[in-house]
Every structure is written in C-alpha cells, then in structure tokens.
Amino acid sequence: MAQTDFNQPKLDMTKEEKERLKYLEFVQAAAVEALLRFALIYAKAKDKSGPLKPGVESVEGAVKTVVGPVYNKYHDVPVEVLKYMDQKVSLVFFCQDIPSFFRFLYLTI
C-alpha cells in the first residue's frame, strides 16, 4: 500500500487559485461590500423620490449612456492593479525570509 506524504507542498494549482489574491483579498471584499451597500441605498432613495422619479430616471439613462462604454473598456483595470500590488506584497514577504545575499541575487536577475 502506498503511503502519501501530507507535508509535501501541492504543486498543481487550479486557475482559480492562481487568480486569487493572497494578501490583499480584503481590499477586494471591502470594495464589493461598499458597492452593494451603495446600490441598496441608491435603490431605496430612487423608490422614495416621489415626483422627482421621472427626472432621476432620465438622468440615470444619460449617465448609463455616457459612462457605459468607458466602464466596459476599463472595468478590469482596478483588479489588475490589485493583482500587481498583491504580487509586490508577496515579493516583500518572500524576500524577508531569505538571507540578504540571495535576496540581492533574486532582485537583480
């Protein structure tokens, strides 16, 4: 019977695990939470707008028309910046564990 080593690191990562943030995931979660709360507040305010509702809807349509194409073009940029920053934080944490000579070699290559 073959015995498995549970202390051996897992080398095959799925695409989801590679895409996931290691250190700054809380920033993404906080942004999603803030966006959801803002959407809820906006929906309640829109429902309670009373006689101003047609004006609110026309302004909302104009904003969607103008901002929609810009959003479609740049909506991935904050996620990519967050991934880049997460990689830099990972590099800083990685470099603290190794001796300075090897850190110098790693950063110069």
C-alpha atoms as a PDB file:
ATOM      1  CA  MET A   1       0.000   0.000   0.000  1.00  0.00           C
ATOM      2  CA  ALA A   2       1.411   3.400  -0.976  1.00  0.00           C
ATOM      3  CA  GLN A   3       1.851   5.941   1.737  1.00  0.00           C
ATOM      4  CA  THR A   4       1.191   9.598   0.898  1.00  0.00           C
ATOM      5  CA  ASP A   5       3.225  12.443   2.346  1.00  0.00           C
ATOM      6  CA  PHE A   6       0.875  15.101   3.705  1.00  0.00           C
ATOM      7  CA  ASN A   7       3.713  17.580   4.295  1.00  0.00           C
ATOM      8  CA  GLN A   8       4.622  17.722   0.604  1.00  0.00           C
ATOM      9  CA  PRO A   9       3.500  21.042  -0.964  1.00  0.00           C
ATOM     10  CA  LYS A  10       0.772  20.943  -3.553  1.00  0.00           C
ATOM     11  CA  LEU A  11       2.313  21.902  -6.892  1.00  0.00           C
ATOM     12  CA  ASP A  12      -0.673  21.739  -9.220  1.00  0.00           C
ATOM     13  CA  MET A  13      -2.746  24.857  -8.642  1.00  0.00           C
ATOM     14  CA  THR A  14      -6.041  25.415 -10.359  1.00  0.00           C
ATOM     15  CA  LYS A  15      -6.683  28.560 -12.392  1.00  0.00           C
ATOM     16  CA  GLU A  16      -8.953  29.874  -9.639  1.00  0.00           C
ATOM     17  CA  GLU A  17      -6.183  29.509  -7.036  1.00  0.00           C
ATOM     18  CA  LYS A  18      -3.729  31.333  -9.310  1.00  0.00           C
ATOM     19  CA  GLU A  19      -6.168  34.204  -9.880  1.00  0.00           C
ATOM     20  CA  ARG A  20      -6.988  34.578  -6.180  1.00  0.00           C
ATOM     21  CA  LEU A  21      -5.259  37.329  -4.236  1.00  0.00           C
ATOM     22  CA  LYS A  22      -3.018  36.156  -1.402  1.00  0.00           C
ATOM     23  CA  TYR A  23      -2.597  39.240   0.771  1.00  0.00           C
ATOM     24  CA  LEU A  24      -4.965  41.950  -0.482  1.00  0.00           C
ATOM     25  CA  GLU A  25      -8.145  39.952  -0.838  1.00  0.00           C
ATOM     26  CA  PHE A  26      -9.718  42.017   1.946  1.00  0.00           C
ATOM     27  CA  VAL A  27      -9.474  45.140  -0.245  1.00  0.00           C
ATOM     28  CA  GLN A  28     -11.473  43.457  -2.990  1.00  0.00           C
ATOM     29  CA  ALA A  29     -14.037  42.178  -0.472  1.00  0.00           C
ATOM     30  CA  ALA A  30     -14.401  45.640   1.070  1.00  0.00           C
ATOM     31  CA  ALA A  31     -14.921  47.225  -2.349  1.00  0.00           C
ATOM     32  CA  VAL A  32     -17.630  44.712  -3.237  1.00  0.00           C
ATOM     33  CA  GLU A  33     -19.344  45.264   0.121  1.00  0.00           C
ATOM     34  CA  ALA A  34     -19.250  49.055  -0.312  1.00  0.00           C
ATOM     35  CA  LEU A  35     -20.647  48.784  -3.832  1.00  0.00           C
ATOM     36  CA  LEU A  36     -23.516  46.563  -2.694  1.00  0.00           C
ATOM     37  CA  ARG A  37     -24.406  48.906   0.164  1.00  0.00           C
ATOM     38  CA  PHE A  38     -24.317  51.926  -2.143  1.00  0.00           C
ATOM     39  CA  ALA A  39     -26.575  50.137  -4.630  1.00  0.00           C
ATOM     40  CA  LEU A  40     -29.067  49.357  -1.855  1.00  0.00           C
ATOM     41  CA  ILE A  41     -29.085  52.968  -0.632  1.00  0.00           C
ATOM     42  CA  TYR A  42     -29.475  54.237  -4.206  1.00  0.00           C
ATOM     43  CA  ALA A  43     -32.389  51.883  -4.895  1.00  0.00           C
ATOM     44  CA  LYS A  44     -34.183  53.000  -1.708  1.00  0.00           C
ATOM     45  CA  ALA A  45     -33.594  56.675  -2.484  1.00  0.00           C
ATOM     46  CA  LYS A  46     -34.878  56.166  -6.031  1.00  0.00           C
ATOM     47  CA  ASP A  47     -38.033  54.481  -4.734  1.00  0.00           C
ATOM     48  CA  LYS A  48     -38.670  57.327  -2.269  1.00  0.00           C
ATOM     49  CA  SER A  49     -38.007  60.109  -4.797  1.00  0.00           C
ATOM     50  CA  GLY A  50     -41.731  60.652  -5.390  1.00  0.00           C
ATOM     51  CA  PRO A  51     -42.457  63.306  -8.019  1.00  0.00           C
ATOM     52  CA  LEU A  52     -38.774  63.551  -8.949  1.00  0.00           C
ATOM     53  CA  LYS A  53     -38.707  59.932 -10.167  1.00  0.00           C
ATOM     54  CA  PRO A  54     -39.004  60.730 -13.941  1.00  0.00           C
ATOM     55  CA  GLY A  55     -36.119  63.205 -13.675  1.00  0.00           C
ATOM     56  CA  VAL A  56     -33.991  60.710 -11.760  1.00  0.00           C
ATOM     57  CA  GLU A  57     -34.663  58.033 -14.376  1.00  0.00           C
ATOM     58  CA  SER A  58     -33.772  60.361 -17.274  1.00  0.00           C
ATOM     59  CA  VAL A  59     -30.507  61.397 -15.601  1.00  0.00           C
ATOM     60  CA  GLU A  60     -29.782  57.743 -14.845  1.00  0.00           C
ATOM     61  CA  GLY A  61     -30.281  56.856 -18.519  1.00  0.00           C
ATOM     62  CA  ALA A  62     -27.981  59.678 -19.655  1.00  0.00           C
ATOM     63  CA  VAL A  63     -25.278  58.616 -17.208  1.00  0.00           C
ATOM     64  CA  LYS A  64     -25.532  54.981 -18.348  1.00  0.00           C
ATOM     65  CA  THR A  65     -25.194  56.098 -21.972  1.00  0.00           C
ATOM     66  CA  VAL A  66     -22.059  58.154 -21.283  1.00  0.00           C
ATOM     67  CA  VAL A  67     -20.360  56.014 -18.631  1.00  0.00           C
ATOM     68  CA  GLY A  68     -21.280  52.594 -20.069  1.00  0.00           C
ATOM     69  CA  PRO A  69     -18.634  52.422 -22.830  1.00  0.00           C
ATOM     70  CA  VAL A  70     -15.937  53.799 -20.528  1.00  0.00           C
ATOM     71  CA  TYR A  71     -16.818  51.240 -17.862  1.00  0.00           C
ATOM     72  CA  ASN A  72     -16.749  48.391 -20.388  1.00  0.00           C
ATOM     73  CA  LYS A  73     -13.281  49.435 -21.516  1.00  0.00           C
ATOM     74  CA  TYR A  74     -11.670  49.962 -18.086  1.00  0.00           C
ATOM     75  CA  HIS A  75     -13.573  47.744 -15.639  1.00  0.00           C
ATOM     76  CA  ASP A  76     -10.666  45.250 -15.348  1.00  0.00           C
ATOM     77  CA  VAL A  77      -8.041  47.881 -14.511  1.00  0.00           C
ATOM     78  CA  PRO A  78      -8.637  48.042 -10.718  1.00  0.00           C
ATOM     79  CA  VAL A  79      -8.498  44.242 -10.476  1.00  0.00           C
ATOM     80  CA  GLU A  80      -5.244  44.119 -12.448  1.00  0.00           C
ATOM     81  CA  VAL A  81      -3.712  46.875 -10.276  1.00  0.00           C
ATOM     82  CA  LEU A  82      -4.763  44.956  -7.171  1.00  0.00           C
ATOM     83  CA  LYS A  83      -3.175  41.762  -8.557  1.00  0.00           C
ATOM     84  CA  TYR A  84       0.034  43.669  -9.298  1.00  0.00           C
ATOM     85  CA  MET A  85       0.145  45.124  -5.781  1.00  0.00           C
ATOM     86  CA  ASP A  86      -0.566  41.683  -4.313  1.00  0.00           C
ATOM     87  CA  GLN A  87       2.420  40.287  -6.219  1.00  0.00           C
ATOM     88  CA  LYS A  88       4.624  43.081  -4.863  1.00  0.00           C
ATOM     89  CA  VAL A  89       3.463  42.405  -1.292  1.00  0.00           C
ATOM     90  CA  SER A  90       4.154  38.717  -1.861  1.00  0.00           C
ATOM     91  CA  LEU A  91       7.650  39.580  -3.072  1.00  0.00           C
ATOM     92  CA  VAL A  92       8.323  41.670   0.032  1.00  0.00           C
ATOM     93  CA  PHE A  93       7.180  38.872   2.336  1.00  0.00           C
ATOM     94  CA  PHE A  94       9.203  36.334   0.351  1.00  0.00           C
ATOM     95  CA  CYS A  95      12.355  38.446   0.481  1.00  0.00           C
ATOM     96  CA  GLN A  96      12.242  38.794   4.273  1.00  0.00           C
ATOM     97  CA  ASP A  97      12.670  35.055   4.772  1.00  0.00           C
ATOM     98  CA  ILE A  98      15.857  34.645   2.755  1.00  0.00           C
ATOM     99  CA  PRO A  99      19.388  35.907   3.506  1.00  0.00           C
ATOM    100  CA  SER A 100      20.383  39.270   2.049  1.00  0.00           C
ATOM    101  CA  PHE A 101      22.898  37.820  -0.433  1.00  0.00           C
ATOM    102  CA  PHE A 102      20.270  35.583  -2.044  1.00  0.00           C
ATOM    103  CA  ARG A 103      17.715  38.402  -1.914  1.00  0.00           C
ATOM    104  CA  PHE A 104      20.186  40.604  -3.825  1.00  0.00           C
ATOM    105  CA  LEU A 105      20.691  37.876  -6.430  1.00  0.00           C
ATOM    106  CA  TYR A 106      16.949  37.325  -6.771  1.00  0.00           C
ATOM    107  CA  LEU A 107      16.184  41.007  -7.251  1.00  0.00           C
ATOM    108  CA  THR A 108      18.991  41.589  -9.759  1.00  0.00           C
ATOM    109  CA  ILE A 109      18.089  38.715 -12.054  1.00  0.00           C
END
